[in-house]
Amino acid sequence: MKRIISTAAILGLAVCALALGTMLKVVQDTYKFKPDSDAAKAKCMLCHLSKMGGKLNPYGNDLKVALKGSKTLTPAILHSIDNKDSTGSGMTNGEKLRTGKNPGVK
């Protein structure tokens, strides 16, 4: 049982690392937010409710729809939801990201 739990934990970390290594880099390269910004500090929580990934926040849900089942995030996919306000905060996702804010929180 401990082996199964350990394996699951390692796989969970690997998935998070994979997302950080690819998807987060695409977001950072596309919006060029500063390393000390809320968006950069959010890491997995840019799209997820938890640091470990898992359940998506409102921005992550919109991004999932825009991905249409693809595992490859592109600047075009990101920009396709720039004009949405995923959280109902009054700022669009694109405005938040361009100013270094996390689009997944109000």
PDB file of N, CA and C in Angstrom:
ATOM      1  N   MET A   1       0.826  -1.192   0.000  1.00  0.00           N
ATOM      2  CA  MET A   1       0.000   0.000   0.000  1.00  0.00           C
ATOM      3  C   MET A   1       0.873   1.261   0.000  1.00  0.00           C
ATOM      4  N   LYS A   2       1.947   1.249   0.799  1.00  0.00           N
ATOM      5  CA  LYS A   2       2.846   2.407   0.839  1.00  0.00           C
ATOM      6  C   LYS A   2       3.486   2.630  -0.528  1.00  0.00           C
ATOM      7  N   ARG A   3       3.782   1.525  -1.208  1.00  0.00           N
ATOM      8  CA  ARG A   3       4.395   1.620  -2.530  1.00  0.00           C
ATOM      9  C   ARG A   3       3.442   2.300  -3.513  1.00  0.00           C
ATOM     10  N   ILE A   4       2.170   1.973  -3.439  1.00  0.00           N
ATOM     11  CA  ILE A   4       1.176   2.569  -4.332  1.00  0.00           C
ATOM     12  C   ILE A   4       1.038   4.063  -4.054  1.00  0.00           C
ATOM     13  N   ILE A   5       0.988   4.415  -2.790  1.00  0.00           N
ATOM     14  CA  ILE A   5       0.875   5.832  -2.412  1.00  0.00           C
ATOM     15  C   ILE A   5       2.120   6.600  -2.855  1.00  0.00           C
ATOM     16  N   SER A   6       3.283   6.024  -2.639  1.00  0.00           N
ATOM     17  CA  SER A   6       4.531   6.673  -3.052  1.00  0.00           C
ATOM     18  C   SER A   6       4.576   6.856  -4.562  1.00  0.00           C
ATOM     19  N   THR A   7       4.178   5.830  -5.295  1.00  0.00           N
ATOM     20  CA  THR A   7       4.173   5.909  -6.750  1.00  0.00           C
ATOM     21  C   THR A   7       3.200   6.984  -7.226  1.00  0.00           C
ATOM     22  N   ALA A   8       2.030   7.047  -6.624  1.00  0.00           N
ATOM     23  CA  ALA A   8       1.043   8.064  -6.994  1.00  0.00           C
ATOM     24  C   ALA A   8       1.575   9.469  -6.722  1.00  0.00           C
ATOM     25  N   ALA A   9       2.243   9.652  -5.604  1.00  0.00           N
ATOM     26  CA  ALA A   9       2.813  10.959  -5.258  1.00  0.00           C
ATOM     27  C   ALA A   9       3.887  11.369  -6.264  1.00  0.00           C
ATOM     28  N   ILE A  10       4.731  10.431  -6.625  1.00  0.00           N
ATOM     29  CA  ILE A  10       5.794  10.716  -7.588  1.00  0.00           C
ATOM     30  C   ILE A  10       5.200  11.062  -8.946  1.00  0.00           C
ATOM     31  N   LEU A  11       4.187  10.313  -9.369  1.00  0.00           N
ATOM     32  CA  LEU A  11       3.536  10.602 -10.643  1.00  0.00           C
ATOM     33  C   LEU A  11       2.864  11.972 -10.621  1.00  0.00           C
ATOM     34  N   GLY A  12       2.251  12.310  -9.486  1.00  0.00           N
ATOM     35  CA  GLY A  12       1.623  13.622  -9.354  1.00  0.00           C
ATOM     36  C   GLY A  12       2.632  14.746  -9.486  1.00  0.00           C
ATOM     37  N   LEU A  13       3.782  14.581  -8.865  1.00  0.00           N
ATOM     38  CA  LEU A  13       4.845  15.583  -8.976  1.00  0.00           C
ATOM     39  C   LEU A  13       5.366  15.668 -10.403  1.00  0.00           C
ATOM     40  N   ALA A  14       5.490  14.524 -11.051  1.00  0.00           N
ATOM     41  CA  ALA A  14       5.974  14.505 -12.429  1.00  0.00           C
ATOM     42  C   ALA A  14       5.013  15.237 -13.356  1.00  0.00           C
ATOM     43  N   VAL A  15       3.715  15.049 -13.157  1.00  0.00           N
ATOM     44  CA  VAL A  15       2.719  15.732 -13.980  1.00  0.00           C
ATOM     45  C   VAL A  15       2.805  17.237 -13.768  1.00  0.00           C
ATOM     46  N   CYS A  16       2.931  17.653 -12.525  1.00  0.00           N
ATOM     47  CA  CYS A  16       3.059  19.087 -12.219  1.00  0.00           C
ATOM     48  C   CYS A  16       4.334  19.643 -12.852  1.00  0.00           C
ATOM     49  N   ALA A  17       5.421  18.914 -12.736  1.00  0.00           N
ATOM     50  CA  ALA A  17       6.682  19.352 -13.331  1.00  0.00           C
ATOM     51  C   ALA A  17       6.569  19.451 -14.841  1.00  0.00           C
ATOM     52  N   LEU A  18       5.868  18.520 -15.451  1.00  0.00           N
ATOM     53  CA  LEU A  18       5.671  18.552 -16.893  1.00  0.00           C
ATOM     54  C   LEU A  18       4.887  19.791 -17.289  1.00  0.00           C
ATOM     55  N   ALA A  19       3.832  20.091 -16.571  1.00  0.00           N
ATOM     56  CA  ALA A  19       3.043  21.282 -16.875  1.00  0.00           C
ATOM     57  C   ALA A  19       3.886  22.536 -16.687  1.00  0.00           C
ATOM     58  N   LEU A  20       4.659  22.587 -15.610  1.00  0.00           N
ATOM     59  CA  LEU A  20       5.523  23.745 -15.380  1.00  0.00           C
ATOM     60  C   LEU A  20       6.559  23.871 -16.473  1.00  0.00           C
ATOM     61  N   GLY A  21       7.109  22.753 -16.893  1.00  0.00           N
ATOM     62  CA  GLY A  21       8.171  22.780 -17.886  1.00  0.00           C
ATOM     63  C   GLY A  21       7.692  23.155 -19.265  1.00  0.00           C
ATOM     64  N   THR A  22       6.425  22.951 -19.574  1.00  0.00           N
ATOM     65  CA  THR A  22       5.954  23.221 -20.918  1.00  0.00           C
ATOM     66  C   THR A  22       4.879  24.297 -20.953  1.00  0.00           C
ATOM     67  N   MET A  23       3.750  24.036 -20.338  1.00  0.00           N
ATOM     68  CA  MET A  23       2.633  24.981 -20.437  1.00  0.00           C
ATOM     69  C   MET A  23       2.933  26.317 -19.781  1.00  0.00           C
ATOM     70  N   LEU A  24       3.495  26.301 -18.593  1.00  0.00           N
ATOM     71  CA  LEU A  24       3.797  27.561 -17.918  1.00  0.00           C
ATOM     72  C   LEU A  24       4.818  28.375 -18.708  1.00  0.00           C
ATOM     73  N   LYS A  25       5.786  27.701 -19.313  1.00  0.00           N
ATOM     74  CA  LYS A  25       6.786  28.397 -20.128  1.00  0.00           C
ATOM     75  C   LYS A  25       6.125  29.093 -21.316  1.00  0.00           C
ATOM     76  N   VAL A  26       5.150  28.433 -21.928  1.00  0.00           N
ATOM     77  CA  VAL A  26       4.434  29.045 -23.051  1.00  0.00           C
ATOM     78  C   VAL A  26       3.708  30.302 -22.580  1.00  0.00           C
ATOM     79  N   VAL A  27       3.071  30.234 -21.407  1.00  0.00           N
ATOM     80  CA  VAL A  27       2.363  31.398 -20.870  1.00  0.00           C
ATOM     81  C   VAL A  27       3.362  32.526 -20.577  1.00  0.00           C
ATOM     82  N   GLN A  28       4.475  32.193 -19.924  1.00  0.00           N
ATOM     83  CA  GLN A  28       5.477  33.208 -19.599  1.00  0.00           C
ATOM     84  C   GLN A  28       6.076  33.828 -20.863  1.00  0.00           C
ATOM     85  N   ASP A  29       6.393  32.998 -21.838  1.00  0.00           N
ATOM     86  CA  ASP A  29       6.971  33.511 -23.083  1.00  0.00           C
ATOM     87  C   ASP A  29       5.972  34.366 -23.859  1.00  0.00           C
ATOM     88  N   THR A  30       4.691  34.038 -23.760  1.00  0.00           N
ATOM     89  CA  THR A  30       3.660  34.777 -24.491  1.00  0.00           C
ATOM     90  C   THR A  30       3.373  36.132 -23.852  1.00  0.00           C
ATOM     91  N   TYR A  31       3.256  36.172 -22.536  1.00  0.00           N
ATOM     92  CA  TYR A  31       2.853  37.416 -21.856  1.00  0.00           C
ATOM     93  C   TYR A  31       4.010  38.173 -21.214  1.00  0.00           C
ATOM     94  N   LYS A  32       5.153  37.533 -21.091  1.00  0.00           N
ATOM     95  CA  LYS A  32       6.381  38.173 -20.586  1.00  0.00           C
ATOM     96  C   LYS A  32       6.179  38.903 -19.259  1.00  0.00           C
ATOM     97  N   PHE A  33       5.456  38.253 -18.311  1.00  0.00           N
ATOM     98  CA  PHE A  33       5.296  38.874 -17.005  1.00  0.00           C
ATOM     99  C   PHE A  33       6.577  38.721 -16.192  1.00  0.00           C
ATOM    100  N   LYS A  34       6.766  39.627 -15.247  1.00  0.00           N
ATOM    101  CA  LYS A  34       7.985  39.665 -14.442  1.00  0.00           C
ATOM    102  C   LYS A  34       8.041  38.478 -13.485  1.00  0.00           C
ATOM    103  N   PRO A  35       9.257  38.003 -13.163  1.00  0.00           N
ATOM    104  CA  PRO A  35       9.417  36.850 -12.269  1.00  0.00           C
ATOM    105  C   PRO A  35       8.805  37.047 -10.883  1.00  0.00           C
ATOM    106  N   ASP A  36       8.688  38.287 -10.426  1.00  0.00           N
ATOM    107  CA  ASP A  36       8.133  38.540  -9.096  1.00  0.00           C
ATOM    108  C   ASP A  36       6.637  38.889  -9.138  1.00  0.00           C
ATOM    109  N   SER A  37       6.010  38.745 -10.305  1.00  0.00           N
ATOM    110  CA  SER A  37       4.586  39.059 -10.440  1.00  0.00           C
ATOM    111  C   SER A  37       3.723  37.952  -9.830  1.00  0.00           C
ATOM    112  N   ASP A  38       2.458  38.278  -9.588  1.00  0.00           N
ATOM    113  CA  ASP A  38       1.507  37.282  -9.075  1.00  0.00           C
ATOM    114  C   ASP A  38       1.374  36.110 -10.040  1.00  0.00           C
ATOM    115  N   ALA A  39       1.368  36.405 -11.333  1.00  0.00           N
ATOM    116  CA  ALA A  39       1.235  35.344 -12.336  1.00  0.00           C
ATOM    117  C   ALA A  39       2.417  34.380 -12.275  1.00  0.00           C
ATOM    118  N   ALA A  40       3.618  34.893 -12.140  1.00  0.00           N
ATOM    119  CA  ALA A  40       4.808  34.032 -12.068  1.00  0.00           C
ATOM    120  C   ALA A  40       4.826  33.230 -10.774  1.00  0.00           C
ATOM    121  N   LYS A  41       4.450  33.859  -9.684  1.00  0.00           N
ATOM    122  CA  LYS A  41       4.441  33.182  -8.384  1.00  0.00           C
ATOM    123  C   LYS A  41       3.364  32.105  -8.310  1.00  0.00           C
ATOM    124  N   ALA A  42       2.309  32.241  -9.102  1.00  0.00           N
ATOM    125  CA  ALA A  42       1.195  31.293  -9.057  1.00  0.00           C
ATOM    126  C   ALA A  42       1.604  29.905  -9.525  1.00  0.00           C
ATOM    127  N   LYS A  43       2.516  29.818 -10.472  1.00  0.00           N
ATOM    128  CA  LYS A  43       2.956  28.541 -11.060  1.00  0.00           C
ATOM    129  C   LYS A  43       1.749  27.692 -11.443  1.00  0.00           C
ATOM    130  N   CYS A  44       1.589  26.509 -10.865  1.00  0.00           N
ATOM    131  CA  CYS A  44       0.467  25.609 -11.216  1.00  0.00           C
ATOM    132  C   CYS A  44      -0.879  26.271 -10.965  1.00  0.00           C
ATOM    133  N   MET A  45      -0.913  27.170  -9.973  1.00  0.00           N
ATOM    134  CA  MET A  45      -2.179  27.797  -9.598  1.00  0.00           C
ATOM    135  C   MET A  45      -2.611  28.884 -10.587  1.00  0.00           C
ATOM    136  N   LEU A  46      -1.852  29.065 -11.647  1.00  0.00           N
ATOM    137  CA  LEU A  46      -2.306  29.929 -12.726  1.00  0.00           C
ATOM    138  C   LEU A  46      -3.567  29.320 -13.340  1.00  0.00           C
ATOM    139  N   CYS A  47      -3.602  27.974 -13.397  1.00  0.00           N
ATOM    140  CA  CYS A  47      -4.740  27.255 -13.978  1.00  0.00           C
ATOM    141  C   CYS A  47      -5.448  26.331 -12.991  1.00  0.00           C
ATOM    142  N   HIS A  48      -4.763  25.975 -11.905  1.00  0.00           N
ATOM    143  CA  HIS A  48      -5.300  24.996 -10.958  1.00  0.00           C
ATOM    144  C   HIS A  48      -5.634  25.637  -9.614  1.00  0.00           C
ATOM    145  N   LEU A  49      -6.454  24.951  -8.826  1.00  0.00           N
ATOM    146  CA  LEU A  49      -6.816  25.435  -7.494  1.00  0.00           C
ATOM    147  C   LEU A  49      -5.759  25.095  -6.450  1.00  0.00           C
ATOM    148  N   SER A  50      -4.860  24.166  -6.785  1.00  0.00           N
ATOM    149  CA  SER A  50      -3.857  23.697  -5.843  1.00  0.00           C
ATOM    150  C   SER A  50      -2.459  23.798  -6.449  1.00  0.00           C
ATOM    151  N   LYS A  51      -1.467  23.927  -5.587  1.00  0.00           N
ATOM    152  CA  LYS A  51      -0.066  23.936  -6.035  1.00  0.00           C
ATOM    153  C   LYS A  51       0.318  22.634  -6.721  1.00  0.00           C
ATOM    154  N   MET A  52      -0.404  21.579  -6.406  1.00  0.00           N
ATOM    155  CA  MET A  52      -0.082  20.260  -6.949  1.00  0.00           C
ATOM    156  C   MET A  52      -0.877  19.952  -8.219  1.00  0.00           C
ATOM    157  N   GLY A  53      -1.609  20.907  -8.754  1.00  0.00           N
ATOM    158  CA  GLY A  53      -2.410  20.656  -9.946  1.00  0.00           C
ATOM    159  C   GLY A  53      -3.789  20.163  -9.570  1.00  0.00           C
ATOM    160  N   GLY A  54      -4.323  19.262 -10.340  1.00  0.00           N
ATOM    161  CA  GLY A  54      -5.654  18.726 -10.048  1.00  0.00           C
ATOM    162  C   GLY A  54      -6.757  19.609 -10.576  1.00  0.00           C
ATOM    163  N   LYS A  55      -7.756  19.886  -9.739  1.00  0.00           N
ATOM    164  CA  LYS A  55      -8.944  20.635 -10.139  1.00  0.00           C
ATOM    165  C   LYS A  55      -8.559  22.010 -10.691  1.00  0.00           C
ATOM    166  N   LEU A  56      -9.232  22.400 -11.759  1.00  0.00           N
ATOM    167  CA  LEU A  56      -8.931  23.662 -12.431  1.00  0.00           C
ATOM    168  C   LEU A  56      -9.696  24.838 -11.832  1.00  0.00           C
ATOM    169  N   ASN A  57      -9.073  26.018 -11.862  1.00  0.00           N
ATOM    170  CA  ASN A  57      -9.756  27.250 -11.492  1.00  0.00           C
ATOM    171  C   ASN A  57     -10.528  27.742 -12.727  1.00  0.00           C
ATOM    172  N   PRO A  58     -11.276  28.843 -12.633  1.00  0.00           N
ATOM    173  CA  PRO A  58     -12.072  29.299 -13.779  1.00  0.00           C
ATOM    174  C   PRO A  58     -11.246  29.547 -15.054  1.00  0.00           C
ATOM    175  N   TYR A  59     -10.060  30.127 -14.909  1.00  0.00           N
ATOM    176  CA  TYR A  59      -9.198  30.354 -16.076  1.00  0.00           C
ATOM    177  C   TYR A  59      -8.757  29.018 -16.667  1.00  0.00           C
ATOM    178  N   GLY A  60      -8.371  28.090 -15.817  1.00  0.00           N
ATOM    179  CA  GLY A  60      -7.965  26.764 -16.275  1.00  0.00           C
ATOM    180  C   GLY A  60      -9.080  26.055 -17.018  1.00  0.00           C
ATOM    181  N   ASN A  61     -10.315  26.209 -16.537  1.00  0.00           N
ATOM    182  CA  ASN A  61     -11.461  25.603 -17.226  1.00  0.00           C
ATOM    183  C   ASN A  61     -11.654  26.214 -18.613  1.00  0.00           C
ATOM    184  N   ASP A  62     -11.531  27.535 -18.716  1.00  0.00           N
ATOM    185  CA  ASP A  62     -11.657  28.183 -20.025  1.00  0.00           C
ATOM    186  C   ASP A  62     -10.529  27.755 -20.956  1.00  0.00           C
ATOM    187  N   LEU A  63      -9.338  27.624 -20.402  1.00  0.00           N
ATOM    188  CA  LEU A  63      -8.198  27.192 -21.203  1.00  0.00           C
ATOM    189  C   LEU A  63      -8.374  25.745 -21.673  1.00  0.00           C
ATOM    190  N   LYS A  64      -8.916  24.905 -20.804  1.00  0.00           N
ATOM    191  CA  LYS A  64      -9.179  23.510 -21.170  1.00  0.00           C
ATOM    192  C   LYS A  64     -10.130  23.436 -22.365  1.00  0.00           C
ATOM    193  N   VAL A  65     -11.170  24.257 -22.343  1.00  0.00           N
ATOM    194  CA  VAL A  65     -12.116  24.298 -23.464  1.00  0.00           C
ATOM    195  C   VAL A  65     -11.403  24.764 -24.733  1.00  0.00           C
ATOM    196  N   ALA A  66     -10.563  25.787 -24.599  1.00  0.00           N
ATOM    197  CA  ALA A  66      -9.841  26.320 -25.760  1.00  0.00           C
ATOM    198  C   ALA A  66      -8.842  25.306 -26.327  1.00  0.00           C
ATOM    199  N   LEU A  67      -8.290  24.461 -25.470  1.00  0.00           N
ATOM    200  CA  LEU A  67      -7.346  23.439 -25.932  1.00  0.00           C
ATOM    201  C   LEU A  67      -8.019  22.368 -26.781  1.00  0.00           C
ATOM    202  N   LYS A  68      -9.326  22.186 -26.616  1.00  0.00           N
ATOM    203  CA  LYS A  68     -10.105  21.219 -27.398  1.00  0.00           C
ATOM    204  C   LYS A  68      -9.475  19.834 -27.408  1.00  0.00           C
ATOM    205  N   GLY A  69      -8.996  19.390 -26.238  1.00  0.00           N
ATOM    206  CA  GLY A  69      -8.421  18.057 -26.117  1.00  0.00           C
ATOM    207  C   GLY A  69      -6.947  17.974 -26.453  1.00  0.00           C
ATOM    208  N   SER A  70      -6.372  19.029 -26.982  1.00  0.00           N
ATOM    209  CA  SER A  70      -4.947  19.042 -27.314  1.00  0.00           C
ATOM    210  C   SER A  70      -4.114  19.092 -26.040  1.00  0.00           C
ATOM    211  N   LYS A  71      -2.941  18.542 -26.065  1.00  0.00           N
ATOM    212  CA  LYS A  71      -2.010  18.601 -24.937  1.00  0.00           C
ATOM    213  C   LYS A  71      -0.936  19.666 -25.175  1.00  0.00           C
ATOM    214  N   THR A  72      -1.019  20.339 -26.321  1.00  0.00           N
ATOM    215  CA  THR A  72      -0.010  21.327 -26.684  1.00  0.00           C
ATOM    216  C   THR A  72      -0.596  22.727 -26.598  1.00  0.00           C
ATOM    217  N   LEU A  73      -0.075  23.522 -25.685  1.00  0.00           N
ATOM    218  CA  LEU A  73      -0.519  24.897 -25.520  1.00  0.00           C
ATOM    219  C   LEU A  73       0.293  25.792 -26.457  1.00  0.00           C
ATOM    220  N   THR A  74      -0.378  26.681 -27.140  1.00  0.00           N
ATOM    221  CA  THR A  74       0.281  27.611 -28.049  1.00  0.00           C
ATOM    222  C   THR A  74      -0.142  29.038 -27.706  1.00  0.00           C
ATOM    223  N   PRO A  75       0.642  30.022 -28.150  1.00  0.00           N
ATOM    224  CA  PRO A  75       0.221  31.412 -27.937  1.00  0.00           C
ATOM    225  C   PRO A  75      -1.156  31.693 -28.547  1.00  0.00           C
ATOM    226  N   ALA A  76      -1.459  31.100 -29.684  1.00  0.00           N
ATOM    227  CA  ALA A  76      -2.757  31.323 -30.324  1.00  0.00           C
ATOM    228  C   ALA A  76      -3.897  30.825 -29.433  1.00  0.00           C
ATOM    229  N   ILE A  77      -3.702  29.676 -28.790  1.00  0.00           N
ATOM    230  CA  ILE A  77      -4.733  29.151 -27.885  1.00  0.00           C
ATOM    231  C   ILE A  77      -4.893  30.087 -26.687  1.00  0.00           C
ATOM    232  N   LEU A  78      -3.782  30.542 -26.130  1.00  0.00           N
ATOM    233  CA  LEU A  78      -3.850  31.487 -25.017  1.00  0.00           C
ATOM    234  C   LEU A  78      -4.608  32.747 -25.420  1.00  0.00           C
ATOM    235  N   HIS A  79      -4.251  33.299 -26.571  1.00  0.00           N
ATOM    236  CA  HIS A  79      -4.878  34.542 -27.017  1.00  0.00           C
ATOM    237  C   HIS A  79      -6.357  34.355 -27.347  1.00  0.00           C
ATOM    238  N   SER A  80      -6.775  33.122 -27.622  1.00  0.00           N
ATOM    239  CA  SER A  80      -8.189  32.891 -27.946  1.00  0.00           C
ATOM    240  C   SER A  80      -9.104  33.137 -26.753  1.00  0.00           C
ATOM    241  N   ILE A  81      -8.544  33.165 -25.538  1.00  0.00           N
ATOM    242  CA  ILE A  81      -9.370  33.464 -24.352  1.00  0.00           C
ATOM    243  C   ILE A  81      -8.928  34.757 -23.665  1.00  0.00           C
ATOM    244  N   ASP A  82      -8.108  35.550 -24.348  1.00  0.00           N
ATOM    245  CA  ASP A  82      -7.672  36.841 -23.799  1.00  0.00           C
ATOM    246  C   ASP A  82      -8.836  37.757 -23.459  1.00  0.00           C
ATOM    247  N   ASN A  83      -9.879  37.753 -24.272  1.00  0.00           N
ATOM    248  CA  ASN A  83     -10.997  38.687 -24.071  1.00  0.00           C
ATOM    249  C   ASN A  83     -12.043  38.187 -23.090  1.00  0.00           C
ATOM    250  N   LYS A  84     -11.859  36.982 -22.568  1.00  0.00           N
ATOM    251  CA  LYS A  84     -12.775  36.457 -21.549  1.00  0.00           C
ATOM    252  C   LYS A  84     -12.379  36.996 -20.186  1.00  0.00           C
ATOM    253  N   ASP A  85     -13.343  37.093 -19.324  1.00  0.00           N
ATOM    254  CA  ASP A  85     -13.121  37.423 -17.913  1.00  0.00           C
ATOM    255  C   ASP A  85     -13.530  36.177 -17.131  1.00  0.00           C
ATOM    256  N   SER A  86     -12.618  35.249 -17.024  1.00  0.00           N
ATOM    257  CA  SER A  86     -12.925  33.932 -16.448  1.00  0.00           C
ATOM    258  C   SER A  86     -13.468  33.999 -15.033  1.00  0.00           C
ATOM    259  N   THR A  87     -13.016  34.967 -14.252  1.00  0.00           N
ATOM    260  CA  THR A  87     -13.409  35.043 -12.842  1.00  0.00           C
ATOM    261  C   THR A  87     -14.496  36.071 -12.563  1.00  0.00           C
ATOM    262  N   GLY A  88     -14.901  36.840 -13.571  1.00  0.00           N
ATOM    263  CA  GLY A  88     -15.910  37.876 -13.349  1.00  0.00           C
ATOM    264  C   GLY A  88     -15.381  39.046 -12.543  1.00  0.00           C
ATOM    265  N   SER A  89     -14.077  39.293 -12.647  1.00  0.00           N
ATOM    266  CA  SER A  89     -13.444  40.349 -11.853  1.00  0.00           C
ATOM    267  C   SER A  89     -13.540  41.733 -12.470  1.00  0.00           C
ATOM    268  N   GLY A  90     -13.933  41.791 -13.750  1.00  0.00           N
ATOM    269  CA  GLY A  90     -13.958  43.085 -14.428  1.00  0.00           C
ATOM    270  C   GLY A  90     -12.734  43.303 -15.306  1.00  0.00           C
ATOM    271  N   MET A  91     -11.742  42.428 -15.197  1.00  0.00           N
ATOM    272  CA  MET A  91     -10.555  42.490 -16.058  1.00  0.00           C
ATOM    273  C   MET A  91     -10.523  41.229 -16.916  1.00  0.00           C
ATOM    274  N   THR A  92     -10.156  41.386 -18.180  1.00  0.00           N
ATOM    275  CA  THR A  92     -10.062  40.210 -19.038  1.00  0.00           C
ATOM    276  C   THR A  92      -8.812  39.401 -18.672  1.00  0.00           C
ATOM    277  N   ASN A  93      -8.803  38.154 -19.108  1.00  0.00           N
ATOM    278  CA  ASN A  93      -7.633  37.299 -18.864  1.00  0.00           C
ATOM    279  C   ASN A  93      -6.375  37.925 -19.448  1.00  0.00           C
ATOM    280  N   GLY A  94      -6.485  38.456 -20.660  1.00  0.00           N
ATOM    281  CA  GLY A  94      -5.328  39.075 -21.305  1.00  0.00           C
ATOM    282  C   GLY A  94      -4.814  40.276 -20.536  1.00  0.00           C
ATOM    283  N   GLU A  95      -5.732  41.112 -20.048  1.00  0.00           N
ATOM    284  CA  GLU A  95      -5.329  42.285 -19.253  1.00  0.00           C
ATOM    285  C   GLU A  95      -4.587  41.831 -17.996  1.00  0.00           C
ATOM    286  N   LYS A  96      -5.136  40.817 -17.338  1.00  0.00           N
ATOM    287  CA  LYS A  96      -4.488  40.325 -16.122  1.00  0.00           C
ATOM    288  C   LYS A  96      -3.091  39.802 -16.416  1.00  0.00           C
ATOM    289  N   LEU A  97      -2.970  38.965 -17.427  1.00  0.00           N
ATOM    290  CA  LEU A  97      -1.668  38.373 -17.728  1.00  0.00           C
ATOM    291  C   LEU A  97      -0.653  39.421 -18.183  1.00  0.00           C
ATOM    292  N   ARG A  98      -1.080  40.374 -18.986  1.00  0.00           N
ATOM    293  CA  ARG A  98      -0.148  41.415 -19.448  1.00  0.00           C
ATOM    294  C   ARG A  98       0.341  42.290 -18.301  1.00  0.00           C
ATOM    295  N   THR A  99      -0.452  42.364 -17.222  1.00  0.00           N
ATOM    296  CA  THR A  99      -0.036  43.170 -16.059  1.00  0.00           C
ATOM    297  C   THR A  99       0.519  42.308 -14.936  1.00  0.00           C
ATOM    298  N   GLY A 100       0.715  41.005 -15.208  1.00  0.00           N
ATOM    299  CA  GLY A 100       1.329  40.118 -14.221  1.00  0.00           C
ATOM    300  C   GLY A 100       0.392  39.594 -13.158  1.00  0.00           C
ATOM    301  N   LYS A 101      -0.898  39.707 -13.387  1.00  0.00           N
ATOM    302  CA  LYS A 101      -1.872  39.190 -12.414  1.00  0.00           C
ATOM    303  C   LYS A 101      -2.270  37.761 -12.796  1.00  0.00           C
ATOM    304  N   ASN A 102      -2.762  37.022 -11.828  1.00  0.00           N
ATOM    305  CA  ASN A 102      -3.216  35.653 -12.060  1.00  0.00           C
ATOM    306  C   ASN A 102      -4.658  35.703 -12.583  1.00  0.00           C
ATOM    307  N   PRO A 103      -4.907  35.231 -13.803  1.00  0.00           N
ATOM    308  CA  PRO A 103      -6.264  35.279 -14.349  1.00  0.00           C
ATOM    309  C   PRO A 103      -7.217  34.280 -13.709  1.00  0.00           C
ATOM    310  N   GLY A 104      -6.699  33.391 -12.890  1.00  0.00           N
ATOM    311  CA  GLY A 104      -7.540  32.367 -12.264  1.00  0.00           C
ATOM    312  C   GLY A 104      -8.159  32.782 -10.946  1.00  0.00           C
ATOM    313  N   VAL A 105      -7.827  33.989 -10.466  1.00  0.00           N
ATOM    314  CA  VAL A 105      -8.407  34.484  -9.212  1.00  0.00           C
ATOM    315  C   VAL A 105      -8.957  35.890  -9.436  1.00  0.00           C
ATOM    316  N   LYS A 106      -9.937  36.289  -8.622  1.00  0.00           N
ATOM    317  CA  LYS A 106     -10.546  37.628  -8.751  1.00  0.00           C
ATOM    318  C   LYS A 106      -9.591  38.704  -8.387  1.00  0.00           C
TER     319      LYS A 106
END
